[in-house]
Amino acid sequence: MHQAKEAGILETLATTLIDSINGYEDAAKNSDNPRFQEIFRKRASERRQVLQDLRSEISKLGGTPPDDGSFLGKTHQAWLDLKAAITGRDDQRIINSVEAGEDYLKEKFEAALNSGDLSGESRQLVERVYQSVRSGHDQMSQIKHGMEAQS
């Protein structure tokens, strides 16, 4: 039972990671700012790597690694807001949307880490992926606040 519960938690986290990868890729394609494009691409690439680790841990626990994002819930909503920002090619709105997605992702990982339902390798893996999530969140937050200070 415990393994199934851990696998379920990891599946949820993997799904939200996929949402963030898709969001970063959309943001990279649609930003007019070369610096932001580079940041978004790097983040998507980093997330892809940690997603592979999550997928193999899910398989080891007997779960089913997700192939695509959630298309529901708050993560997807934040990235849908991103699509609206992209339409206007508004870097400020793109950054705000990416940061909102990162906020939600960070909360999901914190909730999983605080749940007491992860142990051993699963917990270590989630902690490692959380470092990537936190780093992305903090970077987007800094960019957002920097842009707000300029406007």
N, C-alpha and C. Protein backbone atom coordinates (compact mmCIF):
# COMPACT_ATOMS: atom_id res chain seq x y z
N MET A 1 0.83 -1.21 0.00
CA MET A 1 0.00 0.00 0.00
C MET A 1 0.86 1.25 0.00
N HIS A 2 1.90 1.22 0.84
CA HIS A 2 2.73 2.42 0.97
C HIS A 2 3.38 2.80 -0.36
N GLN A 3 3.87 1.78 -1.09
CA GLN A 3 4.51 2.03 -2.39
C GLN A 3 3.53 2.64 -3.37
N ALA A 4 2.30 2.16 -3.36
CA ALA A 4 1.28 2.68 -4.27
C ALA A 4 1.00 4.15 -3.95
N LYS A 5 0.96 4.47 -2.67
CA LYS A 5 0.71 5.86 -2.27
C LYS A 5 1.87 6.75 -2.72
N GLU A 6 3.11 6.27 -2.50
CA GLU A 6 4.28 7.04 -2.94
C GLU A 6 4.26 7.23 -4.46
N ALA A 7 3.94 6.16 -5.18
CA ALA A 7 3.88 6.25 -6.65
C ALA A 7 2.85 7.28 -7.07
N GLY A 8 1.69 7.28 -6.41
CA GLY A 8 0.63 8.25 -6.73
C GLY A 8 1.08 9.68 -6.52
N ILE A 9 1.78 9.93 -5.43
CA ILE A 9 2.30 11.28 -5.15
C ILE A 9 3.29 11.68 -6.24
N LEU A 10 4.19 10.77 -6.58
CA LEU A 10 5.19 11.05 -7.60
C LEU A 10 4.54 11.28 -8.97
N GLU A 11 3.47 10.52 -9.26
CA GLU A 11 2.76 10.71 -10.53
C GLU A 11 2.18 12.12 -10.62
N THR A 12 1.58 12.59 -9.52
CA THR A 12 1.02 13.94 -9.49
C THR A 12 2.11 14.99 -9.69
N LEU A 13 3.25 14.81 -9.01
CA LEU A 13 4.34 15.76 -9.15
C LEU A 13 4.90 15.74 -10.58
N ALA A 14 5.00 14.56 -11.17
CA ALA A 14 5.51 14.44 -12.54
C ALA A 14 4.57 15.17 -13.51
N THR A 15 3.28 15.02 -13.30
CA THR A 15 2.29 15.68 -14.17
C THR A 15 2.43 17.20 -14.09
N THR A 16 2.59 17.73 -12.88
CA THR A 16 2.73 19.18 -12.75
C THR A 16 4.07 19.64 -13.35
N LEU A 17 5.09 18.81 -13.26
CA LEU A 17 6.38 19.14 -13.90
C LEU A 17 6.22 19.22 -15.41
N ILE A 18 5.45 18.28 -15.98
CA ILE A 18 5.22 18.29 -17.42
C ILE A 18 4.52 19.59 -17.82
N ASP A 19 3.53 20.01 -17.03
CA ASP A 19 2.87 21.29 -17.29
C ASP A 19 3.90 22.42 -17.33
N SER A 20 4.84 22.39 -16.39
CA SER A 20 5.82 23.48 -16.34
C SER A 20 6.77 23.42 -17.53
N ILE A 21 7.14 22.22 -17.96
CA ILE A 21 8.01 22.08 -19.15
C ILE A 21 7.30 22.65 -20.37
N ASN A 22 6.03 22.26 -20.55
CA ASN A 22 5.25 22.78 -21.69
C ASN A 22 5.13 24.30 -21.62
N GLY A 23 4.91 24.80 -20.41
CA GLY A 23 4.78 26.25 -20.22
C GLY A 23 6.07 26.98 -20.56
N TYR A 24 7.19 26.46 -20.09
CA TYR A 24 8.48 27.08 -20.40
C TYR A 24 8.76 27.06 -21.90
N GLU A 25 8.42 25.94 -22.55
CA GLU A 25 8.66 25.86 -23.99
C GLU A 25 7.80 26.87 -24.75
N ASP A 26 6.53 27.00 -24.35
CA ASP A 26 5.67 28.01 -24.97
C ASP A 26 6.21 29.41 -24.74
N ALA A 27 6.65 29.66 -23.51
CA ALA A 27 7.17 30.98 -23.17
C ALA A 27 8.42 31.29 -24.01
N ALA A 28 9.29 30.30 -24.17
CA ALA A 28 10.52 30.49 -24.96
C ALA A 28 10.19 30.82 -26.42
N LYS A 29 9.18 30.11 -26.95
CA LYS A 29 8.82 30.33 -28.36
C LYS A 29 8.21 31.71 -28.58
N ASN A 30 7.59 32.24 -27.55
CA ASN A 30 6.77 33.43 -27.76
C ASN A 30 7.30 34.71 -27.14
N SER A 31 8.37 34.62 -26.40
CA SER A 31 8.95 35.84 -25.85
C SER A 31 9.80 36.50 -26.93
N ASP A 32 9.81 37.82 -26.94
CA ASP A 32 10.66 38.54 -27.90
C ASP A 32 12.02 38.84 -27.30
N ASN A 33 12.20 38.50 -26.03
CA ASN A 33 13.43 38.83 -25.32
C ASN A 33 14.39 37.64 -25.36
N PRO A 34 15.53 37.76 -26.06
CA PRO A 34 16.46 36.64 -26.20
C PRO A 34 16.95 36.11 -24.84
N ARG A 35 17.13 37.00 -23.87
CA ARG A 35 17.58 36.58 -22.54
C ARG A 35 16.52 35.67 -21.90
N PHE A 36 15.26 36.07 -21.98
CA PHE A 36 14.18 35.26 -21.41
C PHE A 36 14.05 33.92 -22.16
N GLN A 37 14.16 33.98 -23.50
CA GLN A 37 14.07 32.74 -24.28
C GLN A 37 15.09 31.73 -23.79
N GLU A 38 16.31 32.21 -23.57
CA GLU A 38 17.40 31.34 -23.11
C GLU A 38 17.08 30.77 -21.72
N ILE A 39 16.62 31.61 -20.81
CA ILE A 39 16.27 31.18 -19.44
C ILE A 39 15.15 30.12 -19.51
N PHE A 40 14.11 30.40 -20.29
CA PHE A 40 12.98 29.46 -20.39
C PHE A 40 13.43 28.12 -20.95
N ARG A 41 14.28 28.16 -21.98
CA ARG A 41 14.76 26.90 -22.59
C ARG A 41 15.59 26.10 -21.60
N LYS A 42 16.45 26.79 -20.86
CA LYS A 42 17.30 26.10 -19.87
C LYS A 42 16.44 25.44 -18.80
N ARG A 43 15.44 26.17 -18.32
CA ARG A 43 14.55 25.62 -17.29
C ARG A 43 13.80 24.40 -17.82
N ALA A 44 13.29 24.47 -19.04
CA ALA A 44 12.56 23.34 -19.62
C ALA A 44 13.48 22.12 -19.71
N SER A 45 14.70 22.35 -20.12
CA SER A 45 15.66 21.27 -20.28
C SER A 45 16.01 20.63 -18.93
N GLU A 46 16.23 21.48 -17.93
CA GLU A 46 16.52 20.99 -16.58
C GLU A 46 15.35 20.18 -16.04
N ARG A 47 14.15 20.67 -16.26
CA ARG A 47 12.94 19.97 -15.78
C ARG A 47 12.79 18.63 -16.47
N ARG A 48 13.13 18.58 -17.77
CA ARG A 48 13.04 17.31 -18.50
C ARG A 48 13.94 16.26 -17.85
N GLN A 49 15.13 16.69 -17.43
CA GLN A 49 16.06 15.75 -16.81
C GLN A 49 15.51 15.21 -15.49
N VAL A 50 15.01 16.11 -14.63
CA VAL A 50 14.50 15.63 -13.34
C VAL A 50 13.21 14.82 -13.52
N LEU A 51 12.46 15.13 -14.57
CA LEU A 51 11.25 14.36 -14.87
C LEU A 51 11.61 12.91 -15.17
N GLN A 52 12.71 12.69 -15.88
CA GLN A 52 13.15 11.31 -16.18
C GLN A 52 13.41 10.55 -14.89
N ASP A 53 14.05 11.22 -13.92
CA ASP A 53 14.31 10.58 -12.63
C ASP A 53 13.00 10.22 -11.93
N LEU A 54 12.04 11.13 -11.96
CA LEU A 54 10.74 10.86 -11.34
C LEU A 54 10.06 9.68 -12.03
N ARG A 55 10.09 9.68 -13.36
CA ARG A 55 9.45 8.59 -14.10
C ARG A 55 10.05 7.23 -13.75
N SER A 56 11.38 7.17 -13.64
CA SER A 56 11.97 5.85 -13.34
C SER A 56 11.66 5.42 -11.91
N GLU A 57 11.58 6.37 -10.97
CA GLU A 57 11.20 6.02 -9.60
C GLU A 57 9.75 5.54 -9.56
N ILE A 58 8.87 6.19 -10.32
CA ILE A 58 7.46 5.77 -10.38
C ILE A 58 7.37 4.33 -10.89
N SER A 59 8.12 4.02 -11.94
CA SER A 59 8.12 2.66 -12.49
C SER A 59 8.62 1.66 -11.46
N LYS A 60 9.69 2.03 -10.75
CA LYS A 60 10.25 1.15 -9.74
C LYS A 60 9.22 0.83 -8.66
N LEU A 61 8.38 1.81 -8.33
CA LEU A 61 7.35 1.62 -7.29
C LEU A 61 6.10 0.92 -7.84
N GLY A 62 6.12 0.63 -9.14
CA GLY A 62 4.98 -0.07 -9.74
C GLY A 62 3.89 0.85 -10.25
N GLY A 63 4.17 2.15 -10.32
CA GLY A 63 3.18 3.11 -10.81
C GLY A 63 3.27 3.28 -12.32
N THR A 64 2.46 4.18 -12.84
CA THR A 64 2.44 4.48 -14.28
C THR A 64 2.92 5.90 -14.50
N PRO A 65 4.14 6.07 -15.04
CA PRO A 65 4.64 7.43 -15.27
C PRO A 65 3.79 8.17 -16.29
N PRO A 66 3.38 9.39 -16.00
CA PRO A 66 2.54 10.15 -16.93
C PRO A 66 3.34 10.59 -18.16
N ASP A 67 2.65 10.65 -19.30
CA ASP A 67 3.30 11.07 -20.55
C ASP A 67 3.01 12.51 -20.89
N ASP A 68 1.93 13.05 -20.34
CA ASP A 68 1.63 14.44 -20.66
C ASP A 68 1.08 15.16 -19.44
N GLY A 69 0.82 16.44 -19.60
CA GLY A 69 0.43 17.28 -18.47
C GLY A 69 -0.98 17.05 -18.00
N SER A 70 -1.42 17.86 -17.07
CA SER A 70 -2.68 17.60 -16.38
C SER A 70 -3.91 18.10 -17.13
N PHE A 71 -3.80 19.20 -17.86
CA PHE A 71 -4.95 19.80 -18.54
C PHE A 71 -6.08 20.10 -17.58
N LEU A 72 -5.78 20.18 -16.32
CA LEU A 72 -6.78 20.55 -15.34
C LEU A 72 -6.04 21.10 -14.13
N GLY A 73 -6.77 21.67 -13.23
CA GLY A 73 -6.14 22.15 -12.02
C GLY A 73 -5.37 23.44 -12.22
N LYS A 74 -4.81 23.90 -11.11
CA LYS A 74 -4.20 25.22 -11.08
C LYS A 74 -2.94 25.34 -11.93
N THR A 75 -2.15 24.28 -12.00
CA THR A 75 -0.92 24.39 -12.79
C THR A 75 -1.28 24.71 -14.21
N HIS A 76 -2.20 23.92 -14.74
CA HIS A 76 -2.59 24.13 -16.13
C HIS A 76 -3.22 25.51 -16.30
N GLN A 77 -3.99 25.97 -15.33
CA GLN A 77 -4.62 27.28 -15.41
C GLN A 77 -3.56 28.38 -15.50
N ALA A 78 -2.53 28.25 -14.69
CA ALA A 78 -1.45 29.25 -14.72
C ALA A 78 -0.80 29.26 -16.10
N TRP A 79 -0.60 28.07 -16.67
CA TRP A 79 0.03 28.03 -17.99
C TRP A 79 -0.95 28.45 -19.08
N LEU A 80 -2.26 28.33 -18.84
CA LEU A 80 -3.24 28.87 -19.80
C LEU A 80 -3.19 30.39 -19.78
N ASP A 81 -3.04 30.96 -18.59
CA ASP A 81 -2.88 32.41 -18.49
C ASP A 81 -1.66 32.83 -19.29
N LEU A 82 -0.65 31.96 -19.28
CA LEU A 82 0.55 32.22 -20.06
C LEU A 82 0.20 32.32 -21.54
N LYS A 83 -0.67 31.43 -22.02
CA LYS A 83 -1.06 31.47 -23.43
C LYS A 83 -1.69 32.82 -23.78
N ALA A 84 -2.49 33.36 -22.88
CA ALA A 84 -3.10 34.67 -23.12
C ALA A 84 -2.03 35.76 -23.18
N ALA A 85 -1.05 35.67 -22.30
CA ALA A 85 0.03 36.66 -22.29
C ALA A 85 0.84 36.55 -23.58
N ILE A 86 1.06 35.31 -24.01
CA ILE A 86 1.85 35.06 -25.21
C ILE A 86 1.20 35.68 -26.44
N THR A 87 -0.12 35.60 -26.49
CA THR A 87 -0.85 36.15 -27.62
C THR A 87 -0.50 37.62 -27.80
N GLY A 88 -0.35 38.32 -26.68
CA GLY A 88 0.01 39.73 -26.75
C GLY A 88 1.51 39.94 -26.78
N ARG A 89 2.28 38.85 -26.75
CA ARG A 89 3.75 38.93 -26.71
C ARG A 89 4.22 39.97 -25.69
N ASP A 90 3.61 39.88 -24.52
CA ASP A 90 3.89 40.83 -23.44
C ASP A 90 4.81 40.15 -22.43
N ASP A 91 6.10 40.51 -22.44
CA ASP A 91 7.07 39.83 -21.58
C ASP A 91 6.71 39.93 -20.10
N GLN A 92 6.19 41.05 -19.68
CA GLN A 92 5.80 41.22 -18.26
C GLN A 92 4.72 40.19 -17.90
N ARG A 93 3.71 40.07 -18.75
CA ARG A 93 2.63 39.10 -18.48
C ARG A 93 3.14 37.67 -18.58
N ILE A 94 4.04 37.41 -19.52
CA ILE A 94 4.61 36.07 -19.66
C ILE A 94 5.34 35.70 -18.38
N ILE A 95 6.18 36.59 -17.89
CA ILE A 95 6.94 36.34 -16.65
C ILE A 95 5.97 36.14 -15.48
N ASN A 96 4.95 37.01 -15.37
CA ASN A 96 3.97 36.87 -14.28
C ASN A 96 3.30 35.50 -14.32
N SER A 97 2.94 35.05 -15.51
CA SER A 97 2.26 33.76 -15.66
C SER A 97 3.19 32.60 -15.32
N VAL A 98 4.43 32.69 -15.80
CA VAL A 98 5.40 31.64 -15.49
C VAL A 98 5.60 31.58 -13.98
N GLU A 99 5.72 32.75 -13.35
CA GLU A 99 5.94 32.77 -11.91
C GLU A 99 4.74 32.18 -11.16
N ALA A 100 3.53 32.45 -11.64
CA ALA A 100 2.33 31.88 -11.00
C ALA A 100 2.36 30.34 -11.11
N GLY A 101 2.75 29.84 -12.26
CA GLY A 101 2.88 28.39 -12.44
C GLY A 101 3.93 27.82 -11.50
N GLU A 102 5.03 28.53 -11.35
CA GLU A 102 6.11 28.09 -10.46
C GLU A 102 5.65 28.11 -9.00
N ASP A 103 4.86 29.11 -8.62
CA ASP A 103 4.31 29.18 -7.26
C ASP A 103 3.53 27.91 -6.95
N TYR A 104 2.65 27.55 -7.90
CA TYR A 104 1.79 26.39 -7.69
C TYR A 104 2.63 25.12 -7.61
N LEU A 105 3.60 25.00 -8.50
CA LEU A 105 4.47 23.82 -8.53
C LEU A 105 5.23 23.69 -7.21
N LYS A 106 5.74 24.80 -6.73
CA LYS A 106 6.49 24.81 -5.47
C LYS A 106 5.59 24.34 -4.32
N GLU A 107 4.35 24.83 -4.29
CA GLU A 107 3.40 24.41 -3.25
C GLU A 107 3.14 22.90 -3.30
N LYS A 108 2.99 22.35 -4.52
CA LYS A 108 2.74 20.92 -4.68
C LYS A 108 3.89 20.10 -4.10
N PHE A 109 5.12 20.54 -4.39
CA PHE A 109 6.29 19.80 -3.89
C PHE A 109 6.42 19.94 -2.37
N GLU A 110 6.14 21.14 -1.86
CA GLU A 110 6.21 21.33 -0.40
C GLU A 110 5.17 20.47 0.29
N ALA A 111 3.97 20.40 -0.28
CA ALA A 111 2.91 19.58 0.31
C ALA A 111 3.33 18.10 0.32
N ALA A 112 3.93 17.64 -0.77
CA ALA A 112 4.37 16.24 -0.84
C ALA A 112 5.45 15.98 0.20
N LEU A 113 6.40 16.91 0.33
CA LEU A 113 7.50 16.73 1.29
C LEU A 113 6.99 16.77 2.74
N ASN A 114 5.96 17.56 2.97
CA ASN A 114 5.42 17.69 4.33
C ASN A 114 4.37 16.63 4.67
N SER A 115 3.99 15.81 3.70
CA SER A 115 2.88 14.87 3.90
C SER A 115 3.24 13.70 4.82
N GLY A 116 4.53 13.39 4.92
CA GLY A 116 4.93 12.23 5.71
C GLY A 116 4.72 10.92 4.95
N ASP A 117 4.28 11.01 3.68
CA ASP A 117 4.00 9.80 2.91
C ASP A 117 5.16 9.35 2.04
N LEU A 118 6.24 10.12 2.03
CA LEU A 118 7.40 9.75 1.21
C LEU A 118 8.53 9.28 2.12
N SER A 119 9.22 8.24 1.68
CA SER A 119 10.35 7.77 2.47
C SER A 119 11.49 7.35 1.56
N GLY A 120 12.64 7.16 2.13
CA GLY A 120 13.78 6.61 1.41
C GLY A 120 14.11 7.33 0.12
N GLU A 121 14.28 6.53 -0.94
CA GLU A 121 14.71 7.09 -2.23
C GLU A 121 13.68 8.05 -2.81
N SER A 122 12.39 7.76 -2.62
CA SER A 122 11.35 8.65 -3.15
C SER A 122 11.49 10.03 -2.54
N ARG A 123 11.67 10.07 -1.24
CA ARG A 123 11.80 11.36 -0.56
C ARG A 123 13.05 12.11 -1.02
N GLN A 124 14.17 11.39 -1.11
CA GLN A 124 15.41 12.02 -1.57
C GLN A 124 15.25 12.59 -2.97
N LEU A 125 14.59 11.83 -3.83
CA LEU A 125 14.37 12.27 -5.20
C LEU A 125 13.50 13.53 -5.22
N VAL A 126 12.40 13.52 -4.47
CA VAL A 126 11.51 14.68 -4.44
C VAL A 126 12.25 15.90 -3.89
N GLU A 127 13.09 15.69 -2.88
CA GLU A 127 13.88 16.81 -2.36
C GLU A 127 14.81 17.36 -3.43
N ARG A 128 15.41 16.46 -4.22
CA ARG A 128 16.32 16.91 -5.27
C ARG A 128 15.57 17.68 -6.36
N VAL A 129 14.42 17.15 -6.77
CA VAL A 129 13.63 17.84 -7.79
C VAL A 129 13.13 19.18 -7.25
N TYR A 130 12.79 19.20 -5.97
CA TYR A 130 12.31 20.43 -5.33
C TYR A 130 13.36 21.54 -5.43
N GLN A 131 14.64 21.18 -5.36
CA GLN A 131 15.69 22.20 -5.50
C GLN A 131 15.60 22.88 -6.86
N SER A 132 15.35 22.09 -7.89
CA SER A 132 15.18 22.64 -9.25
C SER A 132 13.95 23.54 -9.30
N VAL A 133 12.86 23.06 -8.69
CA VAL A 133 11.61 23.82 -8.69
C VAL A 133 11.81 25.14 -7.96
N ARG A 134 12.45 25.08 -6.79
CA ARG A 134 12.65 26.30 -6.01
C ARG A 134 13.55 27.29 -6.74
N SER A 135 14.57 26.77 -7.37
CA SER A 135 15.50 27.61 -8.11
C SER A 135 14.77 28.32 -9.27
N GLY A 136 13.91 27.58 -10.00
CA GLY A 136 13.13 28.18 -11.08
C GLY A 136 12.17 29.22 -10.56
N HIS A 137 11.51 28.90 -9.47
CA HIS A 137 10.58 29.83 -8.85
C HIS A 137 11.28 31.12 -8.44
N ASP A 138 12.42 30.99 -7.77
CA ASP A 138 13.13 32.17 -7.28
C ASP A 138 13.64 33.03 -8.43
N GLN A 139 14.10 32.37 -9.49
CA GLN A 139 14.59 33.12 -10.65
C GLN A 139 13.46 33.92 -11.30
N MET A 140 12.30 33.29 -11.48
CA MET A 140 11.16 33.99 -12.09
C MET A 140 10.70 35.14 -11.19
N SER A 141 10.72 34.89 -9.89
CA SER A 141 10.32 35.91 -8.93
C SER A 141 11.26 37.13 -9.02
N GLN A 142 12.55 36.87 -9.10
CA GLN A 142 13.53 37.97 -9.21
C GLN A 142 13.31 38.77 -10.49
N ILE A 143 13.10 38.07 -11.61
CA ILE A 143 12.88 38.75 -12.88
C ILE A 143 11.61 39.60 -12.79
N LYS A 144 10.55 39.01 -12.23
CA LYS A 144 9.28 39.72 -12.10
C LYS A 144 9.45 41.00 -11.29
N HIS A 145 10.11 40.88 -10.13
CA HIS A 145 10.28 42.06 -9.28
C HIS A 145 11.20 43.08 -9.92
N GLY A 146 12.18 42.61 -10.68
CA GLY A 146 13.06 43.53 -11.41
C GLY A 146 12.31 44.31 -12.46
N MET A 147 11.39 43.62 -13.17
CA MET A 147 10.58 44.28 -14.20
C MET A 147 9.62 45.27 -13.58
N GLU A 148 9.04 44.89 -12.42
CA GLU A 148 8.10 45.80 -11.76
C GLU A 148 8.82 47.07 -11.30
N ALA A 149 10.06 46.92 -10.87
CA ALA A 149 10.83 48.07 -10.40
C ALA A 149 11.13 49.03 -11.54
N GLN A 150 11.27 48.48 -12.77
CA GLN A 150 11.58 49.32 -13.93
C GLN A 150 10.36 50.04 -14.48
N SER A 151 9.17 49.47 -14.25
CA SER A 151 7.99 50.07 -14.89
C SER A 151 7.37 51.16 -14.05
